[in-house]
N, C-alpha and C. Protein backbone atom coordinates (compact mmCIF):
# COMPACT_ATOMS: atom_id res chain seq x y z
N MET A 1 3.59 5.85 11.38
CA MET A 1 2.86 6.77 12.25
C MET A 1 1.71 7.42 11.48
N GLY A 2 1.93 7.72 10.22
CA GLY A 2 0.86 8.26 9.40
C GLY A 2 -0.25 7.25 9.19
N MET A 3 0.14 5.98 9.06
CA MET A 3 -0.86 4.92 8.88
C MET A 3 -1.74 4.81 10.13
N TYR A 4 -1.11 4.88 11.29
CA TYR A 4 -1.89 4.82 12.52
C TYR A 4 -2.82 6.03 12.64
N GLY A 5 -2.37 7.17 12.13
CA GLY A 5 -3.22 8.37 12.17
C GLY A 5 -4.48 8.18 11.35
N ALA A 6 -4.34 7.54 10.17
CA ALA A 6 -5.51 7.26 9.34
C ALA A 6 -6.43 6.27 10.04
N ASP A 7 -5.82 5.26 10.68
CA ASP A 7 -6.61 4.28 11.43
C ASP A 7 -7.36 4.95 12.57
N LEU A 8 -6.70 5.90 13.22
CA LEU A 8 -7.33 6.60 14.34
C LEU A 8 -8.56 7.37 13.87
N ALA A 9 -8.45 8.05 12.74
CA ALA A 9 -9.60 8.79 12.20
C ALA A 9 -10.73 7.83 11.84
N TYR A 10 -10.37 6.70 11.25
CA TYR A 10 -11.36 5.69 10.85
C TYR A 10 -12.10 5.15 12.08
N LEU A 11 -11.34 4.78 13.11
CA LEU A 11 -11.95 4.23 14.33
C LEU A 11 -12.82 5.27 15.03
N THR A 12 -12.38 6.52 14.99
CA THR A 12 -13.14 7.59 15.62
C THR A 12 -14.48 7.78 14.92
N MET A 13 -14.45 7.77 13.59
CA MET A 13 -15.68 7.96 12.81
C MET A 13 -16.68 6.83 13.07
N TYR A 14 -16.15 5.64 13.31
CA TYR A 14 -17.03 4.49 13.56
C TYR A 14 -17.23 4.23 15.06
N LYS A 15 -16.84 5.23 15.86
CA LYS A 15 -17.12 5.23 17.30
C LYS A 15 -16.60 3.98 18.01
N ASP A 16 -15.42 3.53 17.62
CA ASP A 16 -14.77 2.40 18.29
C ASP A 16 -13.73 2.97 19.26
N GLY A 17 -14.23 3.47 20.39
CA GLY A 17 -13.41 4.21 21.32
C GLY A 17 -12.24 3.44 21.90
N GLN A 18 -12.45 2.19 22.27
CA GLN A 18 -11.39 1.41 22.90
C GLN A 18 -10.22 1.17 21.93
N ARG A 19 -10.55 0.79 20.71
CA ARG A 19 -9.48 0.58 19.72
C ARG A 19 -8.83 1.91 19.35
N ALA A 20 -9.59 3.00 19.39
CA ALA A 20 -9.02 4.31 19.10
C ALA A 20 -7.98 4.67 20.16
N VAL A 21 -8.28 4.38 21.43
CA VAL A 21 -7.33 4.68 22.51
C VAL A 21 -6.06 3.85 22.35
N SER A 22 -6.21 2.55 22.04
CA SER A 22 -5.02 1.70 21.87
C SER A 22 -4.20 2.15 20.66
N THR A 23 -4.89 2.63 19.62
CA THR A 23 -4.17 3.16 18.45
C THR A 23 -3.42 4.43 18.80
N LEU A 24 -4.05 5.29 19.59
CA LEU A 24 -3.38 6.52 20.02
C LEU A 24 -2.15 6.19 20.87
N GLN A 25 -2.25 5.15 21.69
CA GLN A 25 -1.10 4.74 22.50
C GLN A 25 0.05 4.27 21.61
N ALA A 26 -0.30 3.55 20.53
CA ALA A 26 0.73 3.11 19.58
C ALA A 26 1.37 4.32 18.90
N ILE A 27 0.56 5.31 18.57
CA ILE A 27 1.07 6.55 17.97
C ILE A 27 2.01 7.25 18.94
N GLU A 28 1.63 7.26 20.22
CA GLU A 28 2.47 7.91 21.24
C GLU A 28 3.83 7.22 21.32
N ARG A 29 3.85 5.88 21.28
CA ARG A 29 5.12 5.15 21.34
C ARG A 29 5.98 5.46 20.12
N LEU A 30 5.35 5.48 18.94
CA LEU A 30 6.09 5.82 17.73
C LEU A 30 6.58 7.26 17.77
N GLY A 31 5.74 8.15 18.30
CA GLY A 31 6.12 9.55 18.42
C GLY A 31 7.35 9.72 19.30
N ASN A 32 7.41 8.94 20.39
CA ASN A 32 8.58 8.99 21.26
C ASN A 32 9.82 8.48 20.54
N ALA A 33 9.64 7.41 19.75
CA ALA A 33 10.77 6.85 19.00
C ALA A 33 11.28 7.83 17.95
N LEU A 34 10.37 8.64 17.41
CA LEU A 34 10.74 9.62 16.39
C LEU A 34 11.09 10.98 16.99
N ASP A 35 11.06 11.05 18.31
CA ASP A 35 11.34 12.29 19.03
C ASP A 35 10.33 13.39 18.72
N VAL A 36 9.07 13.00 18.60
CA VAL A 36 7.99 13.99 18.49
C VAL A 36 6.91 13.67 19.53
N GLY A 37 7.34 13.02 20.61
CA GLY A 37 6.41 12.60 21.65
C GLY A 37 5.69 13.74 22.33
N ASN A 38 6.27 14.95 22.26
CA ASN A 38 5.62 16.10 22.88
C ASN A 38 4.26 16.39 22.26
N ALA A 39 4.04 15.95 21.01
CA ALA A 39 2.76 16.18 20.35
C ALA A 39 1.70 15.19 20.83
N PHE A 40 2.14 14.08 21.41
CA PHE A 40 1.22 13.04 21.89
C PHE A 40 1.49 12.75 23.36
N ASP A 41 1.45 13.81 24.15
CA ASP A 41 1.80 13.69 25.56
C ASP A 41 0.61 13.21 26.39
N GLN A 42 0.86 13.06 27.70
CA GLN A 42 -0.17 12.54 28.60
C GLN A 42 -1.42 13.41 28.66
N PRO A 43 -1.29 14.74 28.70
CA PRO A 43 -2.52 15.56 28.69
C PRO A 43 -3.40 15.29 27.48
N LEU A 44 -2.77 15.09 26.30
CA LEU A 44 -3.56 14.78 25.11
C LEU A 44 -4.28 13.44 25.28
N MET A 45 -3.56 12.46 25.82
CA MET A 45 -4.16 11.14 26.04
C MET A 45 -5.38 11.26 26.95
N GLU A 46 -5.25 12.07 28.01
CA GLU A 46 -6.38 12.24 28.94
C GLU A 46 -7.55 12.93 28.26
N ARG A 47 -7.25 13.97 27.48
CA ARG A 47 -8.32 14.67 26.75
C ARG A 47 -9.02 13.73 25.78
N PHE A 48 -8.23 12.88 25.15
CA PHE A 48 -8.79 11.93 24.20
C PHE A 48 -9.74 10.96 24.91
N LYS A 49 -9.29 10.41 26.03
CA LYS A 49 -10.11 9.46 26.78
C LYS A 49 -11.39 10.11 27.29
N ASN A 50 -11.29 11.38 27.67
CA ASN A 50 -12.45 12.09 28.21
C ASN A 50 -13.47 12.47 27.14
N ASN A 51 -13.08 12.34 25.88
CA ASN A 51 -13.98 12.72 24.78
C ASN A 51 -14.33 11.55 23.87
N LEU A 52 -14.28 10.33 24.41
CA LEU A 52 -14.51 9.14 23.61
C LEU A 52 -15.87 9.14 22.91
N ASN A 53 -16.84 9.83 23.49
CA ASN A 53 -18.17 9.84 22.90
C ASN A 53 -18.43 11.07 22.02
N ASN A 54 -17.39 11.86 21.79
CA ASN A 54 -17.55 13.08 21.00
C ASN A 54 -16.65 12.98 19.76
N GLU A 55 -17.24 12.53 18.66
CA GLU A 55 -16.47 12.29 17.43
C GLU A 55 -15.73 13.54 16.96
N ASP A 56 -16.40 14.69 16.97
CA ASP A 56 -15.78 15.93 16.48
C ASP A 56 -14.57 16.30 17.32
N SER A 57 -14.70 16.17 18.63
CA SER A 57 -13.58 16.50 19.52
C SER A 57 -12.40 15.57 19.30
N LEU A 58 -12.68 14.28 19.11
CA LEU A 58 -11.61 13.31 18.89
C LEU A 58 -10.86 13.61 17.61
N LEU A 59 -11.59 13.91 16.55
CA LEU A 59 -10.94 14.24 15.27
C LEU A 59 -10.11 15.50 15.40
N GLN A 60 -10.62 16.48 16.14
CA GLN A 60 -9.88 17.73 16.33
C GLN A 60 -8.61 17.49 17.13
N LEU A 61 -8.69 16.67 18.19
CA LEU A 61 -7.51 16.38 19.00
C LEU A 61 -6.44 15.67 18.18
N GLY A 62 -6.87 14.71 17.36
CA GLY A 62 -5.91 14.01 16.51
C GLY A 62 -5.25 14.95 15.51
N SER A 63 -6.04 15.83 14.93
CA SER A 63 -5.50 16.80 13.97
C SER A 63 -4.50 17.74 14.63
N GLU A 64 -4.84 18.20 15.83
CA GLU A 64 -3.95 19.10 16.58
C GLU A 64 -2.59 18.44 16.82
N ALA A 65 -2.63 17.18 17.24
CA ALA A 65 -1.39 16.47 17.55
C ALA A 65 -0.54 16.29 16.31
N TYR A 66 -1.15 15.92 15.20
CA TYR A 66 -0.38 15.71 13.97
C TYR A 66 0.16 17.01 13.41
N ARG A 67 -0.61 18.09 13.55
CA ARG A 67 -0.09 19.40 13.11
C ARG A 67 1.11 19.81 13.95
N ALA A 68 1.03 19.56 15.25
CA ALA A 68 2.15 19.90 16.14
C ALA A 68 3.39 19.08 15.80
N ALA A 69 3.18 17.79 15.53
CA ALA A 69 4.30 16.93 15.16
C ALA A 69 4.92 17.37 13.84
N ASP A 70 4.07 17.71 12.86
CA ASP A 70 4.55 18.15 11.55
C ASP A 70 5.35 19.45 11.68
N LYS A 71 4.83 20.39 12.47
CA LYS A 71 5.53 21.66 12.67
C LYS A 71 6.88 21.44 13.33
N TYR A 72 6.91 20.55 14.34
CA TYR A 72 8.17 20.26 15.04
C TYR A 72 9.19 19.66 14.08
N LEU A 73 8.77 18.71 13.25
CA LEU A 73 9.69 18.06 12.33
C LEU A 73 10.24 19.04 11.29
N LYS A 74 9.37 19.89 10.75
CA LYS A 74 9.83 20.85 9.74
C LYS A 74 10.73 21.91 10.35
N THR A 75 10.41 22.35 11.57
CA THR A 75 11.24 23.34 12.25
C THR A 75 12.63 22.80 12.52
N ASN A 76 12.71 21.49 12.78
CA ASN A 76 13.99 20.86 13.11
C ASN A 76 14.63 20.17 11.90
N ASP A 77 14.25 20.63 10.70
CA ASP A 77 14.87 20.16 9.46
C ASP A 77 14.78 18.64 9.31
N ARG A 78 13.60 18.11 9.61
CA ARG A 78 13.37 16.67 9.46
C ARG A 78 12.19 16.46 8.51
N THR A 79 12.28 17.12 7.37
CA THR A 79 11.19 17.05 6.39
C THR A 79 11.03 15.64 5.82
N ASP A 80 12.11 14.84 5.86
CA ASP A 80 12.00 13.47 5.37
C ASP A 80 11.02 12.67 6.22
N VAL A 81 11.11 12.81 7.53
CA VAL A 81 10.20 12.10 8.43
C VAL A 81 8.78 12.62 8.25
N SER A 82 8.64 13.93 8.13
CA SER A 82 7.33 14.54 7.93
C SER A 82 6.69 14.02 6.64
N ALA A 83 7.47 13.93 5.56
CA ALA A 83 6.96 13.44 4.28
C ALA A 83 6.54 11.98 4.37
N LEU A 84 7.32 11.18 5.11
CA LEU A 84 6.99 9.77 5.25
C LEU A 84 5.72 9.56 6.08
N ILE A 85 5.52 10.39 7.09
CA ILE A 85 4.29 10.31 7.88
C ILE A 85 3.09 10.63 6.99
N LEU A 86 3.23 11.66 6.17
CA LEU A 86 2.16 12.04 5.24
C LEU A 86 1.89 10.90 4.25
N ALA A 87 2.95 10.29 3.73
CA ALA A 87 2.80 9.19 2.79
C ALA A 87 2.10 8.00 3.45
N GLY A 88 2.46 7.71 4.68
CA GLY A 88 1.82 6.61 5.40
C GLY A 88 0.33 6.84 5.58
N GLY A 89 -0.03 8.08 5.88
CA GLY A 89 -1.44 8.43 6.02
C GLY A 89 -2.19 8.27 4.71
N PHE A 90 -1.55 8.67 3.61
CA PHE A 90 -2.17 8.53 2.29
C PHE A 90 -2.39 7.06 1.95
N VAL A 91 -1.35 6.25 2.14
CA VAL A 91 -1.43 4.83 1.80
C VAL A 91 -2.53 4.14 2.60
N GLU A 92 -2.57 4.39 3.89
CA GLU A 92 -3.57 3.72 4.73
C GLU A 92 -4.98 4.20 4.41
N SER A 93 -5.14 5.49 4.17
CA SER A 93 -6.47 6.02 3.83
C SER A 93 -6.98 5.41 2.53
N LEU A 94 -6.11 5.34 1.53
CA LEU A 94 -6.52 4.76 0.25
C LEU A 94 -6.79 3.27 0.40
N TYR A 95 -5.99 2.60 1.23
CA TYR A 95 -6.20 1.17 1.49
C TYR A 95 -7.57 0.94 2.13
N LEU A 96 -7.89 1.73 3.14
CA LEU A 96 -9.18 1.58 3.81
C LEU A 96 -10.34 1.85 2.85
N SER A 97 -10.17 2.84 2.00
CA SER A 97 -11.22 3.19 1.04
C SER A 97 -11.44 2.09 0.01
N THR A 98 -10.36 1.58 -0.55
CA THR A 98 -10.48 0.57 -1.60
C THR A 98 -10.84 -0.80 -1.03
N SER A 99 -10.66 -0.99 0.28
CA SER A 99 -11.00 -2.26 0.91
C SER A 99 -12.47 -2.34 1.29
N SER A 100 -13.17 -1.23 1.18
CA SER A 100 -14.58 -1.22 1.54
C SER A 100 -15.36 -2.16 0.62
N PRO A 101 -16.19 -3.03 1.20
CA PRO A 101 -16.95 -3.99 0.38
C PRO A 101 -17.82 -3.33 -0.68
N GLY A 102 -18.29 -2.12 -0.43
CA GLY A 102 -19.18 -1.46 -1.38
C GLY A 102 -18.50 -0.48 -2.31
N ALA A 103 -17.17 -0.50 -2.35
CA ALA A 103 -16.43 0.51 -3.14
C ALA A 103 -16.82 0.51 -4.61
N GLU A 104 -17.04 -0.68 -5.17
CA GLU A 104 -17.34 -0.77 -6.61
C GLU A 104 -18.75 -0.26 -6.94
N LYS A 105 -19.64 -0.28 -5.96
CA LYS A 105 -21.03 0.11 -6.21
C LYS A 105 -21.38 1.49 -5.67
N ASP A 106 -20.50 2.05 -4.88
CA ASP A 106 -20.74 3.35 -4.26
C ASP A 106 -20.03 4.43 -5.08
N GLN A 107 -20.79 5.18 -5.86
CA GLN A 107 -20.18 6.18 -6.75
C GLN A 107 -19.49 7.29 -5.97
N ASP A 108 -20.07 7.68 -4.83
CA ASP A 108 -19.43 8.72 -4.02
C ASP A 108 -18.06 8.28 -3.55
N LEU A 109 -17.97 7.02 -3.09
CA LEU A 109 -16.68 6.49 -2.65
C LEU A 109 -15.73 6.36 -3.83
N ALA A 110 -16.23 5.89 -4.97
CA ALA A 110 -15.39 5.79 -6.16
C ALA A 110 -14.85 7.16 -6.56
N ASN A 111 -15.69 8.20 -6.42
CA ASN A 111 -15.25 9.57 -6.72
C ASN A 111 -14.10 9.98 -5.80
N ARG A 112 -14.24 9.70 -4.51
CA ARG A 112 -13.19 10.06 -3.55
C ARG A 112 -11.88 9.36 -3.88
N ILE A 113 -12.00 8.08 -4.28
CA ILE A 113 -10.80 7.32 -4.63
C ILE A 113 -10.16 7.91 -5.89
N GLY A 114 -10.97 8.17 -6.91
CA GLY A 114 -10.44 8.73 -8.15
C GLY A 114 -9.80 10.09 -7.95
N GLU A 115 -10.34 10.88 -7.03
CA GLU A 115 -9.80 12.22 -6.76
C GLU A 115 -8.40 12.17 -6.16
N GLN A 116 -7.99 11.00 -5.68
CA GLN A 116 -6.64 10.88 -5.11
C GLN A 116 -5.56 10.92 -6.19
N LYS A 117 -5.98 10.93 -7.43
CA LYS A 117 -5.04 11.03 -8.56
C LYS A 117 -4.16 12.27 -8.41
N THR A 118 -4.78 13.40 -8.09
CA THR A 118 -4.03 14.65 -7.93
C THR A 118 -3.18 14.61 -6.66
N THR A 119 -3.76 14.10 -5.59
CA THR A 119 -3.03 14.01 -4.32
C THR A 119 -1.78 13.15 -4.47
N LEU A 120 -1.93 12.05 -5.19
CA LEU A 120 -0.80 11.13 -5.41
C LEU A 120 0.34 11.82 -6.16
N THR A 121 -0.01 12.58 -7.18
CA THR A 121 1.01 13.31 -7.93
C THR A 121 1.76 14.29 -7.03
N ASN A 122 1.02 15.02 -6.20
CA ASN A 122 1.64 15.97 -5.29
C ASN A 122 2.52 15.27 -4.26
N LEU A 123 2.07 14.11 -3.77
CA LEU A 123 2.84 13.36 -2.78
C LEU A 123 4.15 12.86 -3.37
N ILE A 124 4.10 12.36 -4.59
CA ILE A 124 5.32 11.90 -5.25
C ILE A 124 6.31 13.06 -5.41
N GLY A 125 5.79 14.23 -5.76
CA GLY A 125 6.65 15.40 -5.88
C GLY A 125 7.30 15.77 -4.55
N LEU A 126 6.53 15.69 -3.47
CA LEU A 126 7.05 15.99 -2.13
C LEU A 126 8.15 15.01 -1.74
N LEU A 127 7.90 13.71 -1.97
CA LEU A 127 8.90 12.71 -1.64
C LEU A 127 10.15 12.86 -2.50
N GLY A 128 9.96 13.35 -3.73
CA GLY A 128 11.10 13.55 -4.62
C GLY A 128 12.08 14.58 -4.09
N GLU A 129 11.59 15.50 -3.26
CA GLU A 129 12.46 16.53 -2.69
C GLU A 129 13.38 15.97 -1.61
N VAL A 130 13.04 14.80 -1.06
CA VAL A 130 13.87 14.21 0.01
C VAL A 130 14.26 12.77 -0.34
N GLU A 131 14.28 12.47 -1.65
CA GLU A 131 14.45 11.09 -2.09
C GLU A 131 15.81 10.50 -1.76
N ASP A 132 16.77 11.31 -1.39
CA ASP A 132 18.08 10.77 -1.07
C ASP A 132 18.09 10.08 0.28
N GLN A 133 17.02 10.23 1.04
CA GLN A 133 16.96 9.59 2.35
C GLN A 133 16.66 8.10 2.19
N GLN A 134 17.12 7.32 3.18
CA GLN A 134 16.99 5.86 3.13
C GLN A 134 15.52 5.42 3.04
N GLY A 135 15.24 4.55 2.08
CA GLY A 135 13.92 3.96 1.97
C GLY A 135 12.91 4.77 1.17
N ILE A 136 13.16 6.05 1.01
CA ILE A 136 12.18 6.90 0.34
C ILE A 136 12.13 6.60 -1.16
N SER A 137 13.27 6.30 -1.76
CA SER A 137 13.28 6.04 -3.19
C SER A 137 12.47 4.79 -3.53
N THR A 138 12.51 3.79 -2.65
CA THR A 138 11.71 2.57 -2.87
C THR A 138 10.22 2.89 -2.84
N LEU A 139 9.81 3.65 -1.82
CA LEU A 139 8.41 4.02 -1.70
C LEU A 139 7.97 4.89 -2.87
N THR A 140 8.84 5.81 -3.28
CA THR A 140 8.51 6.67 -4.42
C THR A 140 8.29 5.85 -5.68
N GLY A 141 9.13 4.85 -5.88
CA GLY A 141 8.97 3.98 -7.04
C GLY A 141 7.65 3.22 -7.02
N GLN A 142 7.26 2.76 -5.83
CA GLN A 142 5.98 2.05 -5.70
C GLN A 142 4.81 2.99 -5.99
N LEU A 143 4.92 4.20 -5.52
CA LEU A 143 3.85 5.17 -5.75
C LEU A 143 3.79 5.59 -7.22
N GLN A 144 4.94 5.60 -7.87
CA GLN A 144 4.96 5.88 -9.32
C GLN A 144 4.19 4.80 -10.07
N GLU A 145 4.36 3.54 -9.65
CA GLU A 145 3.64 2.44 -10.27
C GLU A 145 2.13 2.59 -10.03
N LEU A 146 1.78 3.04 -8.83
CA LEU A 146 0.38 3.27 -8.52
C LEU A 146 -0.19 4.40 -9.39
N ARG A 147 0.63 5.42 -9.63
CA ARG A 147 0.18 6.56 -10.44
C ARG A 147 -0.14 6.13 -11.87
N VAL A 148 0.58 5.14 -12.38
CA VAL A 148 0.29 4.62 -13.71
C VAL A 148 -1.14 4.09 -13.78
N LEU A 149 -1.58 3.44 -12.72
CA LEU A 149 -2.95 2.91 -12.67
C LEU A 149 -3.97 4.05 -12.64
N PHE A 150 -3.61 5.15 -12.01
CA PHE A 150 -4.52 6.30 -11.91
C PHE A 150 -4.62 7.09 -13.22
N THR A 151 -3.62 6.96 -14.09
CA THR A 151 -3.63 7.78 -15.31
C THR A 151 -4.81 7.46 -16.21
N ALA A 152 -5.33 6.24 -16.14
CA ALA A 152 -6.45 5.86 -17.00
C ALA A 152 -7.80 6.35 -16.46
N ILE A 153 -7.79 6.89 -15.26
CA ILE A 153 -9.03 7.36 -14.65
C ILE A 153 -9.34 8.77 -15.15
N SER A 154 -10.58 8.97 -15.58
CA SER A 154 -11.01 10.28 -16.07
C SER A 154 -11.59 11.08 -14.90
N LEU A 155 -11.00 12.24 -14.67
CA LEU A 155 -11.42 13.11 -13.58
C LEU A 155 -11.85 14.45 -14.14
N THR A 156 -13.11 14.84 -13.89
CA THR A 156 -13.65 16.10 -14.40
C THR A 156 -13.98 17.02 -13.23
N TYR A 157 -13.52 18.27 -13.35
CA TYR A 157 -13.75 19.25 -12.28
C TYR A 157 -14.58 20.40 -12.82
N GLU A 158 -15.63 20.76 -12.12
CA GLU A 158 -16.49 21.87 -12.53
C GLU A 158 -16.46 22.95 -11.44
N TYR A 159 -15.94 24.10 -11.82
CA TYR A 159 -15.84 25.20 -10.86
C TYR A 159 -17.18 25.91 -10.71
N ALA A 160 -17.50 26.23 -9.47
CA ALA A 160 -18.68 27.05 -9.16
C ALA A 160 -18.28 28.05 -8.08
N GLU A 161 -18.78 29.25 -8.20
CA GLU A 161 -18.42 30.32 -7.27
C GLU A 161 -18.78 29.92 -5.83
N PRO A 162 -17.81 30.03 -4.90
CA PRO A 162 -18.13 29.74 -3.49
C PRO A 162 -19.06 30.81 -2.92
N VAL A 163 -19.83 30.44 -1.93
CA VAL A 163 -20.76 31.36 -1.27
C VAL A 163 -20.33 31.53 0.18
N THR A 164 -20.22 32.79 0.60
CA THR A 164 -19.81 33.08 1.98
C THR A 164 -20.95 33.71 2.75
N GLU A 165 -21.23 33.17 3.92
CA GLU A 165 -22.20 33.76 4.84
C GLU A 165 -21.40 34.45 5.94
N GLU A 166 -21.27 35.76 5.83
CA GLU A 166 -20.43 36.50 6.76
C GLU A 166 -20.91 36.41 8.19
N ALA A 167 -22.23 36.38 8.39
CA ALA A 167 -22.78 36.31 9.74
C ALA A 167 -22.34 35.02 10.44
N LYS A 168 -22.26 33.94 9.68
CA LYS A 168 -21.85 32.65 10.25
C LYS A 168 -20.36 32.39 10.11
N LYS A 169 -19.68 33.32 9.40
CA LYS A 169 -18.25 33.17 9.11
C LYS A 169 -17.98 31.82 8.46
N THR A 170 -18.81 31.49 7.48
CA THR A 170 -18.73 30.20 6.80
C THR A 170 -18.74 30.40 5.29
N THR A 171 -17.85 29.66 4.61
CA THR A 171 -17.81 29.68 3.16
C THR A 171 -18.17 28.29 2.65
N TYR A 172 -19.08 28.24 1.69
CA TYR A 172 -19.52 26.98 1.11
C TYR A 172 -18.86 26.80 -0.25
N ILE A 173 -18.17 25.68 -0.41
CA ILE A 173 -17.51 25.36 -1.68
C ILE A 173 -18.52 24.65 -2.56
N ASN A 174 -18.85 25.22 -3.69
CA ASN A 174 -19.88 24.66 -4.56
C ASN A 174 -19.33 23.96 -5.79
N SER A 175 -18.01 23.98 -5.96
CA SER A 175 -17.40 23.27 -7.08
C SER A 175 -17.62 21.77 -6.90
N SER A 176 -17.62 21.06 -8.01
CA SER A 176 -17.85 19.61 -7.94
C SER A 176 -16.91 18.89 -8.90
N SER A 177 -16.71 17.63 -8.62
CA SER A 177 -15.88 16.81 -9.51
C SER A 177 -16.57 15.47 -9.72
N SER A 178 -16.31 14.88 -10.86
CA SER A 178 -16.86 13.56 -11.15
C SER A 178 -15.75 12.68 -11.67
N VAL A 179 -15.87 11.40 -11.38
CA VAL A 179 -14.83 10.44 -11.72
C VAL A 179 -15.42 9.31 -12.54
N SER A 180 -14.71 8.92 -13.58
CA SER A 180 -15.08 7.75 -14.36
C SER A 180 -14.05 6.67 -14.08
N ILE A 181 -14.46 5.66 -13.30
CA ILE A 181 -13.54 4.60 -12.90
C ILE A 181 -14.27 3.27 -12.99
N THR A 182 -13.62 2.29 -13.61
CA THR A 182 -14.25 0.98 -13.78
C THR A 182 -13.96 0.08 -12.59
N GLY A 183 -14.71 -0.99 -12.48
CA GLY A 183 -14.49 -1.95 -11.42
C GLY A 183 -13.11 -2.57 -11.51
N ASP A 184 -12.65 -2.84 -12.72
CA ASP A 184 -11.31 -3.43 -12.90
C ASP A 184 -10.22 -2.46 -12.47
N GLN A 185 -10.40 -1.17 -12.78
CA GLN A 185 -9.42 -0.17 -12.36
C GLN A 185 -9.37 -0.08 -10.84
N LEU A 186 -10.54 -0.13 -10.23
CA LEU A 186 -10.62 -0.05 -8.78
C LEU A 186 -9.93 -1.25 -8.13
N LYS A 187 -10.14 -2.44 -8.72
CA LYS A 187 -9.50 -3.64 -8.18
C LYS A 187 -7.98 -3.57 -8.32
N ALA A 188 -7.52 -3.04 -9.45
CA ALA A 188 -6.07 -2.93 -9.68
C ALA A 188 -5.44 -1.97 -8.68
N ILE A 189 -6.13 -0.85 -8.41
CA ILE A 189 -5.63 0.12 -7.43
C ILE A 189 -5.63 -0.49 -6.04
N ALA A 190 -6.70 -1.22 -5.70
CA ALA A 190 -6.79 -1.87 -4.38
C ALA A 190 -5.65 -2.87 -4.20
N LYS A 191 -5.37 -3.64 -5.24
CA LYS A 191 -4.30 -4.64 -5.15
C LYS A 191 -2.94 -3.97 -4.97
N LYS A 192 -2.70 -2.89 -5.72
CA LYS A 192 -1.40 -2.21 -5.64
C LYS A 192 -1.22 -1.52 -4.31
N ILE A 193 -2.25 -0.83 -3.83
CA ILE A 193 -2.11 -0.12 -2.56
C ILE A 193 -1.95 -1.11 -1.41
N GLY A 194 -2.59 -2.29 -1.54
CA GLY A 194 -2.41 -3.33 -0.54
C GLY A 194 -0.98 -3.82 -0.51
N SER A 195 -0.37 -3.95 -1.69
CA SER A 195 1.02 -4.38 -1.78
C SER A 195 1.97 -3.34 -1.18
N ILE A 196 1.69 -2.06 -1.45
CA ILE A 196 2.53 -0.99 -0.88
C ILE A 196 2.40 -0.98 0.63
N ARG A 197 1.18 -1.13 1.10
CA ARG A 197 0.94 -1.15 2.56
C ARG A 197 1.70 -2.30 3.21
N ASN A 198 1.65 -3.48 2.60
CA ASN A 198 2.34 -4.63 3.16
C ASN A 198 3.85 -4.43 3.22
N SER A 199 4.39 -3.75 2.22
CA SER A 199 5.84 -3.50 2.21
C SER A 199 6.24 -2.52 3.31
N ILE A 200 5.35 -1.58 3.62
CA ILE A 200 5.63 -0.64 4.70
C ILE A 200 5.60 -1.36 6.05
N LEU A 201 4.65 -2.25 6.20
CA LEU A 201 4.48 -2.97 7.47
C LEU A 201 5.49 -4.08 7.67
N ALA A 202 6.14 -4.51 6.58
CA ALA A 202 7.08 -5.64 6.67
C ALA A 202 8.31 -5.31 7.51
């Protein structure tokens, strides 16, 4: 379900409305199977269809639904399912990023991929809290192997004071990060995340 959520965001950004609707329908079916269908109900589907040409609205609707599902799962002591949905979203997002034909030449994209080093560590820690659940230990082991590939990546963070415009109620984050990642490292990460993705889909 998390993987489909990442796909939904990707399709929305690239304005592929028809495939986005079919992906949302798949999410709805999975949500029903996981007993979180209330987050992906018919009114949401209608709102989604009515906003096919509005990228911002579609992303907001998807975020609302996933937040509602996450809250429902945590409230009902189903943190294992919530963690797995989050892991699925991470795996699919990283897969889509590393599969981009220009990933090796696009420094901004390489930076985003390298920055997942911290996210991956946090995700492994989260899964470790529910590792006694079926299947989670296997996924955690795969992500640990992926983390080994990330350890060689140099990530530098430079803090800069954020600026707030009170009139606009907006805060601008001025900190920046830079990543040193080689083409071979990127290929190794792409290969491993592809393998993890295939095992989830199997």
